[in-house]
Amino acid sequence: MPDDAYANCRFYVEIDGHSKAVFTEINGLVIETDVTEYQEGGNNAFVHRLPGRTKVGTIVLKRGITSSNEFFKWYEDILQGKIDAKHLSVVVYDPRGQELVRWNFANVYPIKWTGPQFAADGHTAAVESLELAHDGLVSN
């Protein structure tokens, strides 16, 4: 492993500046720019590719079920027409516990909550997920 590569298992989520339960998985850290192709008349050797609109993905947080129902309650507010947008940060730490990188998201609010799946003979952890929309991603 290269010297500057780090394991991806030491991350925390902060919502409005407060650390929340450690999540088992975070995905959706995506920024994508559409490309518009422009064919110049008389030039058949190549096609111009110009950057277009940029969009960000939604964030999906997954964690083992806890006694707290705060994420479902946050989503319930959306169902009642109350958008309670928050600031969210994903913080990654190096093996010594020092902050390595931080991504900040503005105006975050839930758009989907998925509860755990249960089976009487199951031995897997009950996991809930929360999908979040946001206005953009900024790294520090």
N, C-alpha and C. Protein backbone atom coordinates (compact mmCIF):
# COMPACT_ATOMS: atom_id res chain seq x y z
N MET A 1 0.86 -1.18 0.00
CA MET A 1 0.00 0.00 0.00
C MET A 1 0.90 1.24 0.00
N PRO A 2 0.61 2.22 -0.85
CA PRO A 2 1.42 3.45 -0.86
C PRO A 2 1.38 4.16 0.49
N ASP A 3 2.43 4.94 0.77
CA ASP A 3 2.52 5.65 2.05
C ASP A 3 1.37 6.61 2.29
N ASP A 4 0.82 7.17 1.21
CA ASP A 4 -0.25 8.16 1.39
C ASP A 4 -1.64 7.56 1.27
N ALA A 5 -1.74 6.22 1.24
CA ALA A 5 -3.05 5.57 1.18
C ALA A 5 -3.52 5.24 2.59
N TYR A 6 -4.79 5.42 2.83
CA TYR A 6 -5.34 5.19 4.17
C TYR A 6 -6.54 4.25 4.09
N ALA A 7 -6.73 3.46 5.12
CA ALA A 7 -7.92 2.62 5.19
C ALA A 7 -9.15 3.51 5.27
N ASN A 8 -10.25 3.04 4.73
CA ASN A 8 -11.45 3.87 4.69
C ASN A 8 -12.40 3.56 5.84
N CYS A 9 -11.88 3.02 6.93
CA CYS A 9 -12.77 2.60 8.02
C CYS A 9 -12.86 3.58 9.17
N ARG A 10 -12.11 4.68 9.15
CA ARG A 10 -12.14 5.63 10.26
C ARG A 10 -12.80 6.92 9.82
N PHE A 11 -14.10 6.94 9.86
CA PHE A 11 -14.83 8.14 9.46
C PHE A 11 -15.96 8.39 10.45
N TYR A 12 -16.32 9.65 10.57
CA TYR A 12 -17.42 10.05 11.43
C TYR A 12 -18.29 11.04 10.68
N VAL A 13 -19.51 11.18 11.13
CA VAL A 13 -20.45 12.13 10.54
C VAL A 13 -20.80 13.15 11.60
N GLU A 14 -20.71 14.42 11.21
CA GLU A 14 -21.14 15.51 12.09
C GLU A 14 -22.35 16.17 11.45
N ILE A 15 -23.38 16.37 12.24
CA ILE A 15 -24.57 17.08 11.77
C ILE A 15 -24.73 18.32 12.63
N ASP A 16 -24.73 19.46 11.98
CA ASP A 16 -24.75 20.76 12.67
C ASP A 16 -23.66 20.85 13.73
N GLY A 17 -22.47 20.32 13.41
CA GLY A 17 -21.31 20.44 14.29
C GLY A 17 -21.23 19.42 15.41
N HIS A 18 -22.21 18.52 15.51
CA HIS A 18 -22.22 17.51 16.58
C HIS A 18 -21.96 16.14 15.98
N SER A 19 -21.01 15.39 16.56
CA SER A 19 -20.74 14.04 16.09
C SER A 19 -21.94 13.16 16.36
N LYS A 20 -22.25 12.34 15.36
CA LYS A 20 -23.35 11.40 15.48
C LYS A 20 -22.79 9.99 15.57
N ALA A 21 -23.67 9.03 15.74
CA ALA A 21 -23.25 7.64 15.82
C ALA A 21 -22.37 7.29 14.63
N VAL A 22 -21.41 6.42 14.86
CA VAL A 22 -20.53 6.00 13.78
C VAL A 22 -21.37 5.21 12.78
N PHE A 23 -21.25 5.57 11.53
CA PHE A 23 -22.00 4.88 10.48
C PHE A 23 -21.15 3.76 9.91
N THR A 24 -21.80 2.71 9.47
CA THR A 24 -21.07 1.58 8.90
C THR A 24 -20.76 1.82 7.43
N GLU A 25 -21.51 2.73 6.80
CA GLU A 25 -21.28 2.97 5.38
C GLU A 25 -21.80 4.35 4.98
N ILE A 26 -21.05 5.01 4.13
CA ILE A 26 -21.47 6.28 3.53
C ILE A 26 -21.16 6.17 2.05
N ASN A 27 -22.15 6.50 1.22
CA ASN A 27 -21.85 6.58 -0.19
C ASN A 27 -22.58 7.75 -0.80
N GLY A 28 -22.24 8.07 -2.02
CA GLY A 28 -22.84 9.20 -2.69
C GLY A 28 -21.97 10.44 -2.73
N LEU A 29 -20.69 10.31 -2.37
CA LEU A 29 -19.78 11.45 -2.46
C LEU A 29 -19.39 11.58 -3.94
N VAL A 30 -20.31 12.16 -4.71
CA VAL A 30 -20.16 12.20 -6.16
C VAL A 30 -20.42 13.61 -6.68
N ILE A 31 -19.53 14.06 -7.55
CA ILE A 31 -19.75 15.28 -8.33
C ILE A 31 -19.53 14.89 -9.78
N GLU A 32 -20.48 15.24 -10.63
CA GLU A 32 -20.40 14.84 -12.03
C GLU A 32 -20.73 16.03 -12.93
N THR A 33 -19.93 16.21 -13.96
CA THR A 33 -20.16 17.30 -14.90
C THR A 33 -20.57 16.71 -16.25
N ASP A 34 -21.70 17.18 -16.76
CA ASP A 34 -22.13 16.77 -18.09
C ASP A 34 -21.18 17.35 -19.12
N VAL A 35 -21.00 16.64 -20.21
CA VAL A 35 -20.14 17.10 -21.29
C VAL A 35 -21.00 17.31 -22.53
N THR A 36 -20.87 18.49 -23.13
CA THR A 36 -21.58 18.80 -24.37
C THR A 36 -20.59 18.68 -25.52
N GLU A 37 -20.98 17.89 -26.51
CA GLU A 37 -20.11 17.73 -27.67
C GLU A 37 -20.52 18.73 -28.74
N TYR A 38 -19.51 19.37 -29.33
CA TYR A 38 -19.75 20.37 -30.37
C TYR A 38 -18.92 19.98 -31.59
N GLN A 39 -19.59 19.73 -32.70
CA GLN A 39 -18.91 19.37 -33.94
C GLN A 39 -18.69 20.62 -34.77
N GLU A 40 -17.44 20.97 -34.93
CA GLU A 40 -17.09 22.18 -35.68
C GLU A 40 -17.17 21.88 -37.17
N GLY A 41 -17.87 22.74 -37.89
CA GLY A 41 -18.00 22.56 -39.33
C GLY A 41 -16.66 22.63 -40.03
N GLY A 42 -16.41 21.71 -40.97
CA GLY A 42 -15.18 21.69 -41.73
C GLY A 42 -14.02 21.02 -41.03
N ASN A 43 -14.17 20.65 -39.76
CA ASN A 43 -13.11 19.97 -39.03
C ASN A 43 -13.63 18.61 -38.60
N ASN A 44 -13.24 17.58 -39.32
CA ASN A 44 -13.73 16.23 -39.03
C ASN A 44 -12.74 15.42 -38.20
N ALA A 45 -11.63 16.03 -37.77
CA ALA A 45 -10.59 15.31 -37.04
C ALA A 45 -10.96 15.05 -35.57
N PHE A 46 -11.81 15.90 -34.99
CA PHE A 46 -12.17 15.72 -33.59
C PHE A 46 -13.48 16.45 -33.29
N VAL A 47 -14.02 16.18 -32.14
CA VAL A 47 -15.23 16.82 -31.65
C VAL A 47 -14.86 17.58 -30.38
N HIS A 48 -15.25 18.84 -30.30
CA HIS A 48 -15.00 19.62 -29.08
C HIS A 48 -15.87 19.04 -27.97
N ARG A 49 -15.30 18.94 -26.80
CA ARG A 49 -16.04 18.50 -25.61
C ARG A 49 -15.98 19.63 -24.61
N LEU A 50 -17.14 20.20 -24.29
CA LEU A 50 -17.21 21.36 -23.41
C LEU A 50 -17.93 20.99 -22.12
N PRO A 51 -17.40 21.48 -20.98
CA PRO A 51 -18.08 21.18 -19.71
C PRO A 51 -19.44 21.86 -19.66
N GLY A 52 -20.41 21.14 -19.13
CA GLY A 52 -21.76 21.67 -19.00
C GLY A 52 -22.16 21.78 -17.54
N ARG A 53 -23.38 21.44 -17.25
CA ARG A 53 -23.94 21.53 -15.90
C ARG A 53 -23.30 20.49 -14.98
N THR A 54 -23.01 20.90 -13.77
CA THR A 54 -22.45 19.99 -12.77
C THR A 54 -23.54 19.65 -11.76
N LYS A 55 -23.59 18.38 -11.38
CA LYS A 55 -24.59 17.95 -10.40
C LYS A 55 -23.89 17.12 -9.33
N VAL A 56 -24.50 17.11 -8.16
CA VAL A 56 -23.97 16.34 -7.03
C VAL A 56 -24.92 15.20 -6.73
N GLY A 57 -24.35 14.10 -6.23
CA GLY A 57 -25.17 12.95 -5.87
C GLY A 57 -25.81 13.14 -4.51
N THR A 58 -26.70 12.24 -4.19
CA THR A 58 -27.29 12.23 -2.85
C THR A 58 -26.39 11.39 -1.95
N ILE A 59 -26.39 11.70 -0.67
CA ILE A 59 -25.59 10.98 0.32
C ILE A 59 -26.47 9.90 0.93
N VAL A 60 -25.93 8.70 1.09
CA VAL A 60 -26.65 7.64 1.78
C VAL A 60 -25.83 7.23 2.99
N LEU A 61 -26.43 7.36 4.17
CA LEU A 61 -25.80 6.96 5.43
C LEU A 61 -26.44 5.66 5.88
N LYS A 62 -25.62 4.70 6.29
CA LYS A 62 -26.14 3.43 6.83
C LYS A 62 -25.52 3.20 8.19
N ARG A 63 -26.35 2.73 9.10
CA ARG A 63 -25.86 2.41 10.44
C ARG A 63 -26.73 1.32 11.04
N GLY A 64 -26.15 0.65 12.03
CA GLY A 64 -26.92 -0.32 12.78
C GLY A 64 -28.02 0.41 13.55
N ILE A 65 -29.14 -0.23 13.69
CA ILE A 65 -30.29 0.38 14.38
C ILE A 65 -29.90 0.66 15.83
N THR A 66 -30.35 1.81 16.33
CA THR A 66 -30.06 2.20 17.71
C THR A 66 -31.38 2.50 18.41
N SER A 67 -31.31 2.83 19.68
CA SER A 67 -32.53 3.17 20.41
C SER A 67 -33.04 4.55 20.03
N SER A 68 -32.21 5.34 19.35
CA SER A 68 -32.61 6.66 18.90
C SER A 68 -33.39 6.57 17.59
N ASN A 69 -34.45 7.31 17.49
CA ASN A 69 -35.26 7.32 16.28
C ASN A 69 -35.15 8.69 15.59
N GLU A 70 -34.05 9.40 15.85
CA GLU A 70 -33.92 10.78 15.38
C GLU A 70 -33.92 10.90 13.86
N PHE A 71 -33.36 9.94 13.13
CA PHE A 71 -33.32 10.07 11.68
C PHE A 71 -34.69 9.87 11.06
N PHE A 72 -35.46 8.94 11.60
CA PHE A 72 -36.83 8.77 11.10
C PHE A 72 -37.67 10.00 11.43
N LYS A 73 -37.48 10.55 12.62
CA LYS A 73 -38.22 11.76 12.99
C LYS A 73 -37.86 12.94 12.09
N TRP A 74 -36.58 13.05 11.72
CA TRP A 74 -36.14 14.11 10.80
C TRP A 74 -36.85 13.94 9.45
N TYR A 75 -36.96 12.69 8.99
CA TYR A 75 -37.65 12.43 7.73
C TYR A 75 -39.15 12.70 7.87
N GLU A 76 -39.71 12.38 9.02
CA GLU A 76 -41.14 12.65 9.25
C GLU A 76 -41.47 14.14 9.10
N ASP A 77 -40.56 15.01 9.51
CA ASP A 77 -40.76 16.44 9.33
C ASP A 77 -40.95 16.78 7.85
N ILE A 78 -40.19 16.14 6.98
CA ILE A 78 -40.33 16.35 5.54
C ILE A 78 -41.73 15.97 5.08
N LEU A 79 -42.22 14.85 5.59
CA LEU A 79 -43.56 14.38 5.22
C LEU A 79 -44.64 15.39 5.62
N GLN A 80 -44.36 16.17 6.65
CA GLN A 80 -45.32 17.16 7.12
C GLN A 80 -45.05 18.55 6.52
N GLY A 81 -44.13 18.62 5.54
CA GLY A 81 -43.86 19.88 4.85
C GLY A 81 -42.85 20.78 5.54
N LYS A 82 -42.20 20.29 6.59
CA LYS A 82 -41.22 21.10 7.31
C LYS A 82 -39.82 20.65 6.90
N ILE A 83 -39.14 21.48 6.12
CA ILE A 83 -37.79 21.16 5.70
C ILE A 83 -36.81 21.75 6.71
N ASP A 84 -36.18 20.87 7.47
CA ASP A 84 -35.22 21.27 8.49
C ASP A 84 -33.82 20.96 7.95
N ALA A 85 -33.31 21.84 7.06
CA ALA A 85 -32.00 21.63 6.45
C ALA A 85 -30.90 21.83 7.48
N LYS A 86 -29.88 20.98 7.39
CA LYS A 86 -28.77 21.02 8.33
C LYS A 86 -27.44 21.07 7.58
N HIS A 87 -26.37 21.28 8.32
CA HIS A 87 -25.02 21.23 7.79
C HIS A 87 -24.45 19.86 8.16
N LEU A 88 -23.85 19.16 7.22
CA LEU A 88 -23.32 17.83 7.48
C LEU A 88 -21.86 17.78 7.05
N SER A 89 -21.04 17.13 7.85
CA SER A 89 -19.63 16.92 7.50
C SER A 89 -19.31 15.44 7.62
N VAL A 90 -18.53 14.94 6.67
CA VAL A 90 -17.96 13.61 6.75
C VAL A 90 -16.48 13.82 7.02
N VAL A 91 -15.99 13.23 8.11
CA VAL A 91 -14.62 13.45 8.55
C VAL A 91 -13.88 12.11 8.55
N VAL A 92 -12.72 12.06 7.88
CA VAL A 92 -11.90 10.85 7.82
C VAL A 92 -10.65 11.09 8.66
N TYR A 93 -10.29 10.08 9.45
CA TYR A 93 -9.12 10.17 10.33
C TYR A 93 -8.04 9.19 9.91
N ASP A 94 -6.79 9.57 10.13
CA ASP A 94 -5.67 8.67 9.83
C ASP A 94 -5.50 7.69 11.00
N PRO A 95 -4.59 6.72 10.87
CA PRO A 95 -4.41 5.72 11.94
C PRO A 95 -4.02 6.31 13.30
N ARG A 96 -3.45 7.52 13.34
CA ARG A 96 -3.06 8.15 14.60
C ARG A 96 -4.22 8.95 15.22
N GLY A 97 -5.34 9.00 14.54
CA GLY A 97 -6.49 9.74 15.05
C GLY A 97 -6.52 11.20 14.65
N GLN A 98 -5.64 11.60 13.74
CA GLN A 98 -5.61 12.97 13.26
C GLN A 98 -6.57 13.13 12.08
N GLU A 99 -7.24 14.27 12.03
CA GLU A 99 -8.16 14.51 10.92
C GLU A 99 -7.38 14.54 9.61
N LEU A 100 -7.81 13.74 8.67
CA LEU A 100 -7.14 13.64 7.38
C LEU A 100 -7.83 14.49 6.32
N VAL A 101 -9.14 14.36 6.22
CA VAL A 101 -9.90 15.12 5.23
C VAL A 101 -11.33 15.29 5.74
N ARG A 102 -11.94 16.38 5.32
CA ARG A 102 -13.31 16.68 5.74
C ARG A 102 -14.07 17.17 4.52
N TRP A 103 -15.26 16.63 4.32
CA TRP A 103 -16.16 17.12 3.28
C TRP A 103 -17.38 17.72 3.96
N ASN A 104 -17.72 18.92 3.56
CA ASN A 104 -18.86 19.63 4.14
C ASN A 104 -19.98 19.73 3.11
N PHE A 105 -21.19 19.57 3.59
CA PHE A 105 -22.38 19.63 2.74
C PHE A 105 -23.33 20.67 3.32
N ALA A 106 -23.85 21.52 2.45
CA ALA A 106 -24.75 22.59 2.88
C ALA A 106 -26.20 22.22 2.59
N ASN A 107 -27.10 22.70 3.45
CA ASN A 107 -28.54 22.53 3.29
C ASN A 107 -28.94 21.08 3.03
N VAL A 108 -28.58 20.22 3.97
CA VAL A 108 -28.85 18.79 3.88
C VAL A 108 -30.21 18.49 4.50
N TYR A 109 -30.99 17.67 3.80
CA TYR A 109 -32.28 17.22 4.35
C TYR A 109 -32.59 15.83 3.80
N PRO A 110 -33.33 15.03 4.56
CA PRO A 110 -33.60 13.65 4.15
C PRO A 110 -34.65 13.58 3.04
N ILE A 111 -34.41 12.64 2.11
CA ILE A 111 -35.38 12.40 1.04
C ILE A 111 -35.85 10.95 1.00
N LYS A 112 -35.19 10.09 1.80
CA LYS A 112 -35.60 8.69 1.85
C LYS A 112 -35.07 8.06 3.12
N TRP A 113 -35.92 7.32 3.82
CA TRP A 113 -35.51 6.55 4.99
C TRP A 113 -35.86 5.10 4.72
N THR A 114 -34.92 4.20 4.99
CA THR A 114 -35.16 2.77 4.82
C THR A 114 -34.88 2.09 6.14
N GLY A 115 -35.89 1.42 6.66
CA GLY A 115 -35.73 0.72 7.93
C GLY A 115 -35.07 -0.63 7.74
N PRO A 116 -34.72 -1.27 8.83
CA PRO A 116 -34.03 -2.56 8.75
C PRO A 116 -34.96 -3.66 8.26
N GLN A 117 -34.33 -4.69 7.70
CA GLN A 117 -35.08 -5.88 7.31
C GLN A 117 -34.90 -6.91 8.42
N PHE A 118 -36.01 -7.52 8.81
CA PHE A 118 -35.97 -8.50 9.90
C PHE A 118 -36.32 -9.88 9.38
N ALA A 119 -35.67 -10.88 9.94
CA ALA A 119 -35.98 -12.27 9.65
C ALA A 119 -35.84 -13.04 10.96
N ALA A 120 -36.82 -13.90 11.25
CA ALA A 120 -36.83 -14.63 12.52
C ALA A 120 -35.58 -15.50 12.67
N ASP A 121 -35.04 -15.98 11.57
CA ASP A 121 -33.86 -16.83 11.64
C ASP A 121 -32.58 -16.07 11.27
N GLY A 122 -32.67 -14.76 11.19
CA GLY A 122 -31.53 -13.95 10.76
C GLY A 122 -30.49 -13.74 11.84
N HIS A 123 -29.25 -13.58 11.40
CA HIS A 123 -28.15 -13.33 12.33
C HIS A 123 -27.37 -12.08 11.93
N THR A 124 -27.94 -11.28 11.03
CA THR A 124 -27.25 -10.08 10.60
C THR A 124 -27.76 -8.88 11.37
N ALA A 125 -26.95 -7.86 11.43
CA ALA A 125 -27.32 -6.65 12.15
C ALA A 125 -28.47 -5.93 11.45
N ALA A 126 -29.35 -5.35 12.24
CA ALA A 126 -30.45 -4.54 11.70
C ALA A 126 -29.87 -3.18 11.31
N VAL A 127 -30.02 -2.80 10.05
CA VAL A 127 -29.40 -1.58 9.53
C VAL A 127 -30.47 -0.66 8.98
N GLU A 128 -30.38 0.63 9.33
CA GLU A 128 -31.25 1.63 8.73
C GLU A 128 -30.41 2.51 7.82
N SER A 129 -31.05 3.06 6.79
CA SER A 129 -30.33 3.98 5.92
C SER A 129 -31.14 5.26 5.74
N LEU A 130 -30.42 6.33 5.51
CA LEU A 130 -31.02 7.64 5.32
C LEU A 130 -30.37 8.26 4.09
N GLU A 131 -31.20 8.61 3.10
CA GLU A 131 -30.70 9.27 1.90
C GLU A 131 -30.95 10.76 2.02
N LEU A 132 -29.92 11.54 1.71
CA LEU A 132 -29.95 12.98 1.94
C LEU A 132 -29.66 13.76 0.66
N ALA A 133 -30.46 14.79 0.41
CA ALA A 133 -30.18 15.74 -0.67
C ALA A 133 -29.39 16.89 -0.06
N HIS A 134 -28.63 17.60 -0.90
CA HIS A 134 -27.84 18.74 -0.41
C HIS A 134 -27.56 19.69 -1.55
N ASP A 135 -27.06 20.88 -1.19
CA ASP A 135 -26.78 21.92 -2.18
C ASP A 135 -25.38 21.87 -2.74
N GLY A 136 -24.52 21.04 -2.20
CA GLY A 136 -23.18 20.97 -2.74
C GLY A 136 -22.16 20.46 -1.75
N LEU A 137 -21.01 20.10 -2.28
CA LEU A 137 -19.93 19.51 -1.52
C LEU A 137 -18.72 20.44 -1.57
N VAL A 138 -18.11 20.65 -0.40
CA VAL A 138 -16.91 21.48 -0.32
C VAL A 138 -15.91 20.75 0.57
N SER A 139 -14.69 20.58 0.08
CA SER A 139 -13.65 19.96 0.92
C SER A 139 -12.85 21.05 1.62
N ASN A 140 -12.24 20.69 2.74
CA ASN A 140 -11.38 21.65 3.46
C ASN A 140 -9.95 21.43 3.08
